[in-house]
N, C-alpha and C. Protein backbone atom coordinates (compact mmCIF):
# COMPACT_ATOMS: atom_id res chain seq x y z
N UNK A 1 0.86 -1.20 0.28
CA UNK A 1 0.14 -0.24 -0.09
C UNK A 1 1.12 0.98 -0.25
N UNK A 2 0.34 2.26 -0.46
CA UNK A 2 1.55 3.39 -0.78
C UNK A 2 0.84 4.50 0.23
N UNK A 3 2.00 5.47 0.52
CA UNK A 3 1.98 6.57 1.81
C UNK A 3 1.13 7.70 1.31
N UNK A 4 0.91 7.69 0.05
CA UNK A 4 0.22 8.81 -0.59
C UNK A 4 -1.09 8.80 -0.08
N UNK A 5 -1.70 9.82 0.43
CA UNK A 5 -3.25 9.71 0.59
C UNK A 5 -3.79 9.42 -0.67
N UNK A 6 -5.34 9.00 -0.75
CA UNK A 6 -5.98 8.93 -1.85
C UNK A 6 -6.46 10.20 -2.29
N UNK A 7 -7.30 10.16 -3.41
CA UNK A 7 -7.86 11.38 -4.08
C UNK A 7 -8.94 11.52 -3.28
N UNK A 8 -9.46 10.59 -2.61
CA UNK A 8 -10.89 10.74 -2.09
C UNK A 8 -10.71 11.32 -0.48
N UNK A 9 -9.21 11.04 0.26
CA UNK A 9 -9.19 11.22 1.27
C UNK A 9 -8.46 12.80 1.53
N UNK A 10 -7.87 12.80 0.12
CA UNK A 10 -7.58 14.57 0.22
C UNK A 10 -8.94 15.54 -0.05
N UNK A 11 -9.80 14.68 -1.00
CA UNK A 11 -11.34 15.55 -0.95
C UNK A 11 -11.72 15.53 0.71
N UNK A 12 -11.91 14.64 1.28
CA UNK A 12 -12.66 15.10 2.55
C UNK A 12 -11.74 15.83 3.45
N UNK A 13 -10.35 15.69 3.35
CA UNK A 13 -9.49 16.71 4.27
C UNK A 13 -9.77 18.20 3.78
N UNK A 14 -9.91 18.07 2.44
CA UNK A 14 -10.09 19.94 1.91
C UNK A 14 -11.77 20.10 2.71
N UNK A 15 -12.39 19.11 2.16
CA UNK A 15 -13.67 19.53 3.02
C UNK A 15 -13.78 20.23 4.29
N UNK A 16 -12.94 19.44 4.92
CA UNK A 16 -12.98 19.70 6.38
C UNK A 16 -12.45 21.30 7.00
N UNK A 17 -11.43 21.14 6.19
CA UNK A 17 -10.88 22.58 5.97
C UNK A 17 -11.55 23.66 5.90
N UNK A 18 -12.09 23.58 4.78
CA UNK A 18 -12.94 24.48 4.33
C UNK A 18 -14.26 24.72 4.86
N UNK A 19 -14.78 23.68 5.84
CA UNK A 19 -15.80 23.74 6.73
C UNK A 19 -15.36 24.51 7.86
N UNK A 20 -14.39 24.14 8.59
CA UNK A 20 -13.58 24.67 9.79
C UNK A 20 -13.57 26.51 9.40
N UNK A 21 -13.08 26.54 8.12
CA UNK A 21 -12.85 28.18 7.93
C UNK A 21 -14.36 28.96 7.69
N UNK A 22 -15.13 27.97 6.98
CA UNK A 22 -16.83 28.72 7.00
C UNK A 22 -17.15 29.08 8.55
N UNK A 23 -17.19 28.03 9.03
CA UNK A 23 -17.06 28.20 10.98
C UNK A 23 -16.72 29.38 11.46
N UNK A 24 -15.26 29.51 11.29
CA UNK A 24 -14.65 30.77 11.94
C UNK A 24 -15.39 32.03 11.15
N UNK A 25 -15.38 32.00 10.16
CA UNK A 25 -16.02 33.39 9.11
C UNK A 25 -17.40 33.56 9.69
N UNK A 26 -18.35 32.48 10.12
CA UNK A 26 -19.61 32.96 10.20
C UNK A 26 -19.46 33.44 11.85
N UNK A 27 -18.71 32.92 12.68
CA UNK A 27 -18.56 33.27 13.97
C UNK A 27 -18.02 34.89 14.06
N UNK A 28 -17.04 35.03 13.04
CA UNK A 28 -16.52 36.46 13.14
C UNK A 28 -17.71 37.27 12.36
N UNK A 29 -18.38 36.89 11.58
CA UNK A 29 -19.51 37.73 10.94
C UNK A 29 -20.59 37.98 12.23
N UNK A 30 -21.02 36.88 12.79
CA UNK A 30 -22.25 37.12 13.57
C UNK A 30 -21.27 37.86 14.72
N UNK A 31 -20.38 38.00 15.22
CA UNK A 31 -19.91 39.13 16.07
C UNK A 31 -19.94 40.45 15.90
N UNK A 32 -19.66 40.50 14.29
CA UNK A 32 -20.10 42.16 13.37
C UNK A 32 -21.35 42.38 13.74
N UNK A 33 -22.29 41.38 13.20
CA UNK A 33 -23.57 41.85 13.52
C UNK A 33 -24.09 42.32 14.76
N UNK A 34 -23.56 41.25 15.79
CA UNK A 34 -23.80 41.62 17.29
C UNK A 34 -23.49 43.28 17.68
N UNK A 35 -22.28 43.58 17.34
CA UNK A 35 -21.74 44.83 17.31
C UNK A 35 -22.62 45.73 16.94
N UNK A 36 -23.16 45.56 15.57
CA UNK A 36 -23.88 46.60 14.92
C UNK A 36 -25.10 46.71 15.53
N UNK A 37 -25.83 45.63 15.81
CA UNK A 37 -27.29 45.60 16.55
C UNK A 37 -27.24 46.20 17.87
N UNK A 38 -25.90 45.99 18.59
CA UNK A 38 -25.86 46.93 20.01
C UNK A 38 -25.42 48.15 19.65
N UNK A 39 -24.77 48.55 18.89
CA UNK A 39 -24.65 50.09 18.54
C UNK A 39 -25.92 50.68 18.29
N UNK A 40 -26.84 49.99 17.09
CA UNK A 40 -28.34 50.27 16.87
C UNK A 40 -29.08 50.75 17.80
N UNK A 41 -28.68 49.76 18.81
CA UNK A 41 -29.96 49.87 19.87
C UNK A 41 -29.52 51.15 20.81
N UNK A 42 -28.11 51.78 21.09
CA UNK A 42 -27.71 52.30 21.54
C UNK A 42 -28.06 53.91 20.95
N UNK A 43 -27.80 53.90 19.72
CA UNK A 43 -28.54 55.00 18.90
C UNK A 43 -29.81 55.34 19.36
N UNK A 44 -30.82 54.41 19.13
CA UNK A 44 -32.15 54.43 19.44
C UNK A 44 -32.66 54.84 20.56
N UNK A 45 -31.84 54.32 21.74
CA UNK A 45 -32.18 54.87 23.24
C UNK A 45 -31.37 56.45 23.40
N UNK A 46 -30.40 56.76 22.82
CA UNK A 46 -29.81 58.29 22.91
C UNK A 46 -30.95 58.60 22.04
N UNK A 47 -31.29 58.62 20.85
CA UNK A 47 -32.49 59.11 20.52
C UNK A 47 -33.54 59.45 21.16
N UNK A 48 -34.39 58.19 21.89
CA UNK A 48 -35.22 58.41 22.93
C UNK A 48 -35.21 59.44 24.04
N UNK A 49 -33.75 59.36 24.57
CA UNK A 49 -33.78 60.21 25.68
C UNK A 49 -33.23 61.43 25.36
N UNK A 50 -33.08 61.74 24.14
CA UNK A 50 -32.71 63.28 23.85
C UNK A 50 -34.13 64.15 24.12
N UNK A 51 -33.73 65.15 24.66
CA UNK A 51 -35.04 66.17 25.01
C UNK A 51 -35.28 66.75 23.94
N UNK A 52 -36.39 67.18 23.78
CA UNK A 52 -37.39 67.92 22.40
C UNK A 52 -36.60 69.12 22.57
N UNK A 53 -36.40 69.62 21.32
CA UNK A 53 -35.59 71.29 20.82
C UNK A 53 -36.61 72.17 21.40
N UNK A 54 -36.03 73.30 21.93
CA UNK A 54 -36.70 74.14 22.52
C UNK A 54 -37.81 74.97 21.22
N UNK A 55 -38.83 75.63 21.37
CA UNK A 55 -39.50 75.84 20.55
C UNK A 55 -39.29 77.15 20.25
N UNK A 56 -38.42 77.89 21.24
CA UNK A 56 -38.21 79.37 20.61
C UNK A 56 -36.56 79.51 21.17
N UNK A 57 -36.05 80.46 20.33
CA UNK A 57 -34.46 80.64 20.79
C UNK A 57 -34.33 82.04 20.69
N UNK A 58 -33.45 82.37 21.81
CA UNK A 58 -33.03 83.92 21.43
C UNK A 58 -31.51 83.83 21.12
N UNK A 59 -31.25 84.56 20.29
CA UNK A 59 -29.36 84.87 20.12
C UNK A 59 -28.93 85.90 20.35
N UNK A 60 -27.66 85.54 21.24
CA UNK A 60 -27.13 86.55 22.20
C UNK A 60 -26.10 87.40 21.15
N UNK A 61 -25.56 88.79 21.52
CA UNK A 61 -24.48 89.33 20.87
C UNK A 61 -23.05 88.77 21.40
N UNK A 62 -22.27 89.22 21.10
CA UNK A 62 -20.77 88.60 21.44
C UNK A 62 -20.48 88.93 23.02
N UNK A 63 -21.29 89.95 23.25
CA UNK A 63 -20.83 90.28 24.84
C UNK A 63 -21.76 89.53 25.76
N UNK A 64 -22.83 88.58 25.24
CA UNK A 64 -23.48 87.70 26.01
C UNK A 64 -24.50 88.34 26.74
N UNK A 65 -24.50 89.76 26.68
CA UNK A 65 -25.89 90.61 27.07
C UNK A 65 -26.90 91.06 26.38
N UNK A 66 -26.31 91.77 25.06
CA UNK A 66 -26.97 92.05 24.26
C UNK A 66 -27.92 90.66 23.27
N UNK A 67 -29.26 91.45 22.83
CA UNK A 67 -30.12 90.31 22.23
C UNK A 67 -29.94 90.73 20.97
N UNK A 68 -29.70 89.66 20.12
CA UNK A 68 -29.36 89.86 18.67
C UNK A 68 -30.56 89.50 17.78
N UNK A 69 -31.19 88.20 18.15
CA UNK A 69 -32.43 88.07 17.19
C UNK A 69 -33.45 87.16 18.00
N UNK A 70 -34.57 86.74 17.51
CA UNK A 70 -35.63 85.68 17.91
C UNK A 70 -35.63 84.83 17.12
N UNK A 71 -35.74 83.75 17.10
CA UNK A 71 -35.77 82.58 16.21
C UNK A 71 -36.83 81.47 16.56
N UNK A 72 -37.09 80.81 15.71
CA UNK A 72 -37.97 79.63 16.22
C UNK A 72 -37.06 78.31 16.66
N UNK A 73 -37.56 77.28 17.29
CA UNK A 73 -36.59 76.04 17.56
C UNK A 73 -36.33 75.41 16.50
N UNK A 74 -37.11 75.54 15.17
CA UNK A 74 -36.71 74.99 14.06
C UNK A 74 -35.85 75.72 12.88
N UNK A 75 -35.35 76.80 13.37
CA UNK A 75 -34.82 77.90 12.41
C UNK A 75 -33.66 77.16 11.55
N UNK A 76 -33.39 77.42 10.63
CA UNK A 76 -32.30 76.57 9.76
C UNK A 76 -31.01 77.25 9.74
N UNK A 77 -31.27 78.67 10.10
CA UNK A 77 -29.78 79.47 10.34
C UNK A 77 -29.70 80.49 11.90
N UNK A 78 -30.12 79.59 12.90
CA UNK A 78 -30.18 80.65 13.76
C UNK A 78 -28.88 81.33 14.65
N UNK A 79 -27.78 80.89 14.46
CA UNK A 79 -26.47 81.59 14.77
C UNK A 79 -26.20 80.58 15.94
N UNK A 80 -24.89 81.33 16.52
CA UNK A 80 -24.10 80.39 17.50
C UNK A 80 -24.55 80.52 18.94
N UNK A 81 -24.64 81.59 19.38
CA UNK A 81 -24.86 82.11 20.61
C UNK A 81 -26.55 81.95 20.97
N UNK A 82 -26.99 81.01 21.33
CA UNK A 82 -28.50 80.71 21.43
C UNK A 82 -28.81 80.50 22.85
N UNK A 83 -29.76 81.03 23.46
CA UNK A 83 -30.48 80.46 24.39
C UNK A 83 -31.91 79.95 24.47
N UNK A 84 -32.13 78.58 24.85
CA UNK A 84 -33.76 78.67 24.95
C UNK A 84 -34.45 79.33 25.70
N UNK A 85 -35.63 79.97 25.22
CA UNK A 85 -36.52 80.68 25.67
C UNK A 85 -38.07 80.21 25.54
N UNK A 86 -38.98 80.75 26.19
CA UNK A 86 -40.15 80.44 26.43
C UNK A 86 -41.04 81.30 24.94
N UNK A 87 -42.20 80.83 24.92
CA UNK A 87 -43.06 81.70 23.98
C UNK A 87 -43.21 83.00 24.57
N UNK A 88 -43.52 83.27 25.71
CA UNK A 88 -43.46 84.81 26.35
C UNK A 88 -42.41 85.63 26.32
N UNK A 89 -41.29 85.06 26.70
CA UNK A 89 -40.07 85.73 26.63
C UNK A 89 -39.79 85.94 24.98
N UNK A 90 -40.00 85.02 24.15
CA UNK A 90 -39.65 85.50 22.83
C UNK A 90 -40.64 87.02 22.33
N UNK A 91 -41.79 86.40 22.44
CA UNK A 91 -42.94 87.65 22.14
C UNK A 91 -42.44 88.87 22.76
N UNK A 92 -42.22 88.83 24.43
CA UNK A 92 -41.34 90.29 24.77
C UNK A 92 -40.25 90.60 24.16
N UNK A 93 -39.29 90.18 23.79
CA UNK A 93 -37.88 90.45 23.15
C UNK A 93 -38.31 90.93 21.92
N UNK A 94 -39.25 90.34 20.94
CA UNK A 94 -39.90 90.89 20.08
C UNK A 94 -40.32 92.45 19.80
N UNK A 95 -41.39 92.43 21.08
CA UNK A 95 -42.17 93.54 21.43
C UNK A 95 -40.96 94.71 21.95
N UNK A 96 -39.78 94.45 22.52
CA UNK A 96 -38.78 95.05 22.85
C UNK A 96 -37.95 95.79 21.89
N UNK A 97 -38.32 95.59 20.43
CA UNK A 97 -37.53 95.98 19.50
C UNK A 97 -36.48 94.75 19.16
N UNK A 98 -36.29 93.33 19.69
CA UNK A 98 -35.45 92.78 19.18
C UNK A 98 -35.45 92.13 17.99
N UNK A 99 -34.74 92.03 16.73
CA UNK A 99 -35.05 91.70 15.57
C UNK A 99 -35.79 90.38 15.61
N UNK A 100 -36.66 90.07 14.56
CA UNK A 100 -37.19 88.73 14.28
C UNK A 100 -36.37 88.10 13.34
N UNK A 101 -36.00 86.89 13.30
CA UNK A 101 -35.19 85.95 12.46
C UNK A 101 -36.11 86.20 10.88
N UNK A 102 -35.15 86.92 9.93
CA UNK A 102 -35.79 86.86 8.46
C UNK A 102 -36.10 85.73 7.64
N UNK A 103 -35.54 84.51 8.45
CA UNK A 103 -35.55 83.12 7.63
C UNK A 103 -36.53 82.56 8.28
N UNK A 104 -36.75 82.39 9.63
CA UNK A 104 -37.80 81.53 10.35
C UNK A 104 -39.26 82.49 10.62
N UNK A 105 -38.94 83.56 10.50
CA UNK A 105 -40.14 84.44 10.88
C UNK A 105 -41.07 84.23 12.09
N UNK A 106 -40.25 84.29 13.20
CA UNK A 106 -40.92 83.91 14.43
C UNK A 106 -41.88 85.02 15.00
N UNK A 107 -42.01 86.10 14.41
CA UNK A 107 -42.81 87.10 14.70
C UNK A 107 -44.38 86.77 14.02
N UNK A 108 -44.22 86.00 12.84
CA UNK A 108 -45.73 85.72 12.11
C UNK A 108 -45.98 84.58 13.31
N UNK A 109 -45.27 83.45 13.40
CA UNK A 109 -45.83 82.41 14.19
C UNK A 109 -46.24 82.59 15.78
N UNK A 110 -45.86 84.12 16.47
CA UNK A 110 -46.01 84.42 17.52
C UNK A 110 -47.24 85.35 17.40
N UNK A 111 -47.65 85.64 16.09
CA UNK A 111 -49.04 86.52 15.83
C UNK A 111 -48.97 87.87 15.95
N UNK A 112 -47.78 88.25 16.03
CA UNK A 112 -47.34 89.71 16.13
C UNK A 112 -47.12 90.49 14.84
N UNK A 113 -47.33 89.44 13.55
CA UNK A 113 -47.17 90.06 12.42
C UNK A 113 -48.05 89.35 11.31
N UNK A 114 -48.67 89.91 10.70
CA UNK A 114 -49.86 89.43 10.10
C UNK A 114 -49.16 89.29 8.69
């Protein structure tokens, strides 16, 4: 009898190697899937915990004391120095000559300008 393996033995060996590599690849892929599912769940939880955006914003000046503009909470161009405010504070600021944003028109939403 010869010491060289038969063709059938080589094919069975190859099958075992491929099966072992496939299991290892599937374990790795399952790990990646589990990691992504965990990250997705964390993103959803963070989104659910996020407080709702303020309904009204007042933009402050560089000195942090002067008021530059009144914005709605969903304004697409609100500036950088913002403080959330109530509807009444926004209304009072406009009445005290703080300019209303020309993009989101809070004066119209507040019913101060028709």
